[in-house]
N, C-alpha and C. Protein backbone atom coordinates (compact mmCIF):
# COMPACT_ATOMS: atom_id res chain seq x y z
N UNK A 1 18.34 -11.91 3.11
CA UNK A 1 17.23 -11.25 2.46
C UNK A 1 17.57 -9.76 2.36
N UNK A 2 17.28 -9.18 1.22
CA UNK A 2 17.56 -7.75 1.05
C UNK A 2 16.63 -6.93 1.94
N UNK A 3 17.07 -5.71 2.22
CA UNK A 3 16.26 -4.83 3.06
C UNK A 3 14.90 -4.56 2.44
N UNK A 4 14.86 -4.39 1.11
CA UNK A 4 13.58 -4.10 0.46
C UNK A 4 12.66 -5.32 0.49
N UNK A 5 13.22 -6.51 0.32
CA UNK A 5 12.40 -7.72 0.40
C UNK A 5 11.85 -7.92 1.81
N UNK A 6 12.67 -7.63 2.81
CA UNK A 6 12.21 -7.76 4.18
C UNK A 6 11.11 -6.73 4.47
N UNK A 7 11.28 -5.53 3.97
CA UNK A 7 10.27 -4.48 4.18
C UNK A 7 8.94 -4.88 3.54
N UNK A 8 9.00 -5.47 2.36
CA UNK A 8 7.78 -5.93 1.68
C UNK A 8 7.13 -7.05 2.49
N UNK A 9 7.92 -8.02 2.94
CA UNK A 9 7.39 -9.11 3.74
C UNK A 9 6.73 -8.59 5.02
N UNK A 10 7.39 -7.66 5.68
CA UNK A 10 6.82 -7.09 6.90
C UNK A 10 5.53 -6.34 6.61
N UNK A 11 5.47 -5.64 5.49
CA UNK A 11 4.24 -4.94 5.10
C UNK A 11 3.10 -5.90 4.84
N UNK A 12 3.41 -7.01 4.17
CA UNK A 12 2.39 -8.03 3.91
C UNK A 12 1.89 -8.62 5.22
N UNK A 13 2.81 -8.90 6.12
CA UNK A 13 2.41 -9.46 7.42
C UNK A 13 1.51 -8.50 8.19
N UNK A 14 1.89 -7.22 8.23
CA UNK A 14 1.08 -6.23 8.94
C UNK A 14 -0.32 -6.15 8.36
N UNK A 15 -0.42 -6.14 7.03
CA UNK A 15 -1.72 -6.06 6.37
C UNK A 15 -2.57 -7.29 6.68
N UNK A 16 -1.94 -8.46 6.67
CA UNK A 16 -2.67 -9.71 6.96
C UNK A 16 -3.13 -9.75 8.41
N UNK A 17 -2.29 -9.32 9.31
CA UNK A 17 -2.66 -9.31 10.73
C UNK A 17 -3.83 -8.35 10.95
N UNK A 18 -3.75 -7.16 10.37
CA UNK A 18 -4.83 -6.19 10.52
C UNK A 18 -6.13 -6.71 9.93
N UNK A 19 -6.05 -7.31 8.75
CA UNK A 19 -7.26 -7.83 8.11
C UNK A 19 -7.89 -8.95 8.94
N UNK A 20 -7.06 -9.84 9.46
CA UNK A 20 -7.58 -10.94 10.27
C UNK A 20 -8.22 -10.42 11.55
N UNK A 21 -7.60 -9.45 12.18
CA UNK A 21 -8.16 -8.90 13.42
C UNK A 21 -9.48 -8.18 13.16
N UNK A 22 -9.64 -7.59 11.99
CA UNK A 22 -10.90 -6.93 11.65
C UNK A 22 -12.04 -7.93 11.48
N UNK A 23 -11.72 -9.16 11.18
CA UNK A 23 -12.73 -10.20 11.01
C UNK A 23 -13.15 -10.85 12.32
N UNK A 24 -12.47 -10.54 13.40
CA UNK A 24 -12.66 -11.24 14.67
C UNK A 24 -14.10 -11.19 15.18
N UNK A 25 -14.72 -10.02 15.15
CA UNK A 25 -16.08 -9.91 15.68
C UNK A 25 -17.07 -10.74 14.87
N UNK A 26 -16.99 -10.63 13.55
CA UNK A 26 -17.91 -11.39 12.71
C UNK A 26 -17.69 -12.89 12.88
N UNK A 27 -16.43 -13.30 12.99
CA UNK A 27 -16.13 -14.71 13.18
C UNK A 27 -16.65 -15.20 14.52
N UNK A 28 -16.47 -14.40 15.56
CA UNK A 28 -16.94 -14.78 16.89
C UNK A 28 -18.47 -14.86 16.93
N UNK A 29 -19.13 -14.09 16.07
CA UNK A 29 -20.59 -14.10 16.01
C UNK A 29 -21.11 -15.28 15.20
N UNK A 30 -20.20 -16.07 14.65
CA UNK A 30 -20.61 -17.28 13.94
C UNK A 30 -20.62 -17.18 12.43
N UNK A 31 -20.12 -16.07 11.88
CA UNK A 31 -20.08 -15.93 10.44
C UNK A 31 -19.04 -16.90 9.86
N UNK A 32 -19.53 -17.90 9.16
CA UNK A 32 -18.65 -18.96 8.67
C UNK A 32 -17.62 -18.45 7.65
N UNK A 33 -18.02 -17.50 6.81
CA UNK A 33 -17.08 -16.96 5.83
C UNK A 33 -15.92 -16.26 6.53
N UNK A 34 -16.23 -15.44 7.54
CA UNK A 34 -15.18 -14.75 8.30
C UNK A 34 -14.29 -15.74 9.03
N UNK A 35 -14.87 -16.80 9.55
CA UNK A 35 -14.08 -17.84 10.22
C UNK A 35 -13.10 -18.48 9.24
N UNK A 36 -13.57 -18.74 8.03
CA UNK A 36 -12.70 -19.32 7.00
C UNK A 36 -11.59 -18.37 6.59
N UNK A 37 -11.94 -17.09 6.47
CA UNK A 37 -10.91 -16.10 6.13
C UNK A 37 -9.84 -16.02 7.21
N UNK A 38 -10.25 -16.02 8.45
CA UNK A 38 -9.28 -15.97 9.55
C UNK A 38 -8.37 -17.19 9.51
N UNK A 39 -8.92 -18.35 9.20
CA UNK A 39 -8.07 -19.56 9.12
C UNK A 39 -7.06 -19.44 7.98
N UNK A 40 -7.46 -18.81 6.87
CA UNK A 40 -6.53 -18.62 5.76
C UNK A 40 -5.40 -17.67 6.18
N UNK A 41 -5.76 -16.59 6.86
CA UNK A 41 -4.72 -15.67 7.36
C UNK A 41 -3.83 -16.38 8.38
N UNK A 42 -4.43 -17.17 9.25
CA UNK A 42 -3.65 -17.93 10.24
C UNK A 42 -2.61 -18.81 9.53
N UNK A 43 -3.07 -19.57 8.55
CA UNK A 43 -2.16 -20.48 7.83
C UNK A 43 -1.01 -19.71 7.19
N UNK A 44 -1.35 -18.60 6.51
CA UNK A 44 -0.33 -17.81 5.83
C UNK A 44 0.68 -17.23 6.82
N UNK A 45 0.18 -16.63 7.89
CA UNK A 45 1.07 -16.00 8.87
C UNK A 45 1.90 -17.02 9.62
N UNK A 46 1.34 -18.18 9.89
CA UNK A 46 2.08 -19.25 10.57
C UNK A 46 3.25 -19.72 9.71
N UNK A 47 3.01 -19.89 8.42
CA UNK A 47 4.08 -20.31 7.51
C UNK A 47 5.16 -19.23 7.41
N UNK A 48 4.75 -17.98 7.31
CA UNK A 48 5.73 -16.89 7.23
C UNK A 48 6.60 -16.88 8.48
N UNK A 49 5.98 -16.96 9.65
CA UNK A 49 6.76 -16.95 10.90
C UNK A 49 7.71 -18.15 10.96
N UNK A 50 7.24 -19.33 10.59
CA UNK A 50 8.09 -20.53 10.63
C UNK A 50 9.27 -20.39 9.68
N UNK A 51 9.01 -19.96 8.46
CA UNK A 51 10.08 -19.85 7.46
C UNK A 51 11.07 -18.75 7.83
N UNK A 52 10.56 -17.65 8.38
CA UNK A 52 11.46 -16.58 8.81
C UNK A 52 12.38 -17.07 9.92
N UNK A 53 11.83 -17.84 10.83
CA UNK A 53 12.64 -18.38 11.92
C UNK A 53 13.72 -19.33 11.38
N UNK A 54 13.32 -20.20 10.46
CA UNK A 54 14.27 -21.14 9.87
C UNK A 54 15.39 -20.42 9.11
N UNK A 55 15.04 -19.29 8.49
CA UNK A 55 16.02 -18.52 7.73
C UNK A 55 16.83 -17.57 8.60
N UNK A 56 16.49 -17.50 9.88
CA UNK A 56 17.21 -16.61 10.78
C UNK A 56 16.85 -15.15 10.60
N UNK A 57 15.70 -14.89 10.01
CA UNK A 57 15.25 -13.52 9.78
C UNK A 57 14.80 -12.89 11.09
N UNK A 58 15.29 -11.70 11.35
CA UNK A 58 14.88 -10.94 12.53
C UNK A 58 14.04 -9.78 12.03
N UNK A 59 12.78 -9.74 12.45
CA UNK A 59 11.89 -8.67 12.01
C UNK A 59 12.32 -7.35 12.63
N UNK A 60 12.25 -6.29 11.84
CA UNK A 60 12.59 -4.95 12.31
C UNK A 60 11.53 -4.45 13.29
N UNK A 61 10.28 -4.84 13.05
CA UNK A 61 9.14 -4.37 13.83
C UNK A 61 8.89 -5.34 14.99
N UNK A 62 8.97 -4.86 16.21
CA UNK A 62 8.79 -5.70 17.39
C UNK A 62 7.39 -6.31 17.44
N UNK A 63 6.39 -5.62 16.90
CA UNK A 63 5.02 -6.15 16.86
C UNK A 63 5.00 -7.46 16.08
N UNK A 64 5.73 -7.51 14.98
CA UNK A 64 5.78 -8.74 14.18
C UNK A 64 6.56 -9.83 14.90
N UNK A 65 7.61 -9.44 15.57
CA UNK A 65 8.40 -10.41 16.33
C UNK A 65 7.55 -11.06 17.41
N UNK A 66 6.73 -10.24 18.09
CA UNK A 66 5.92 -10.74 19.20
C UNK A 66 4.62 -11.40 18.75
N UNK A 67 4.21 -11.20 17.50
CA UNK A 67 2.93 -11.73 17.03
C UNK A 67 2.94 -13.26 17.03
N UNK A 68 1.87 -13.83 17.58
CA UNK A 68 1.67 -15.28 17.58
C UNK A 68 0.41 -15.57 16.77
N UNK A 69 0.52 -16.25 15.62
CA UNK A 69 -0.66 -16.54 14.81
C UNK A 69 -1.76 -17.28 15.59
N UNK A 70 -1.39 -17.97 16.64
CA UNK A 70 -2.40 -18.69 17.42
C UNK A 70 -3.43 -17.75 18.05
N UNK A 71 -3.07 -16.46 18.18
CA UNK A 71 -4.04 -15.51 18.74
C UNK A 71 -5.25 -15.34 17.82
N UNK A 72 -5.11 -15.73 16.57
CA UNK A 72 -6.23 -15.62 15.63
C UNK A 72 -7.23 -16.76 15.77
N UNK A 73 -6.82 -17.82 16.43
CA UNK A 73 -7.68 -18.99 16.58
C UNK A 73 -8.72 -18.75 17.67
N UNK A 74 -9.88 -19.36 17.51
CA UNK A 74 -10.90 -19.21 18.58
C UNK A 74 -10.38 -19.70 19.91
N UNK A 75 -10.73 -19.01 20.96
CA UNK A 75 -10.34 -19.38 22.34
C UNK A 75 -8.84 -19.33 22.55
N UNK A 76 -8.13 -18.53 21.71
CA UNK A 76 -6.67 -18.43 21.89
C UNK A 76 -6.35 -17.29 22.83
């Protein structure tokens, strides 16, 4: 993967992680729309992490390397 493509992917991941974390309080309070949004972010981030691993991609940002999409799930 080119450096610019990896930088774009990492930027997308960071934005998705931040957006999902911002929904946490509303989702925990029972807001069904926020819960659905978090699940969409979870699915997207889980696929990105799986595909990156299969492709042997090493993230430049340690936060992305350490991120576990399961933390977005309730009771995770």
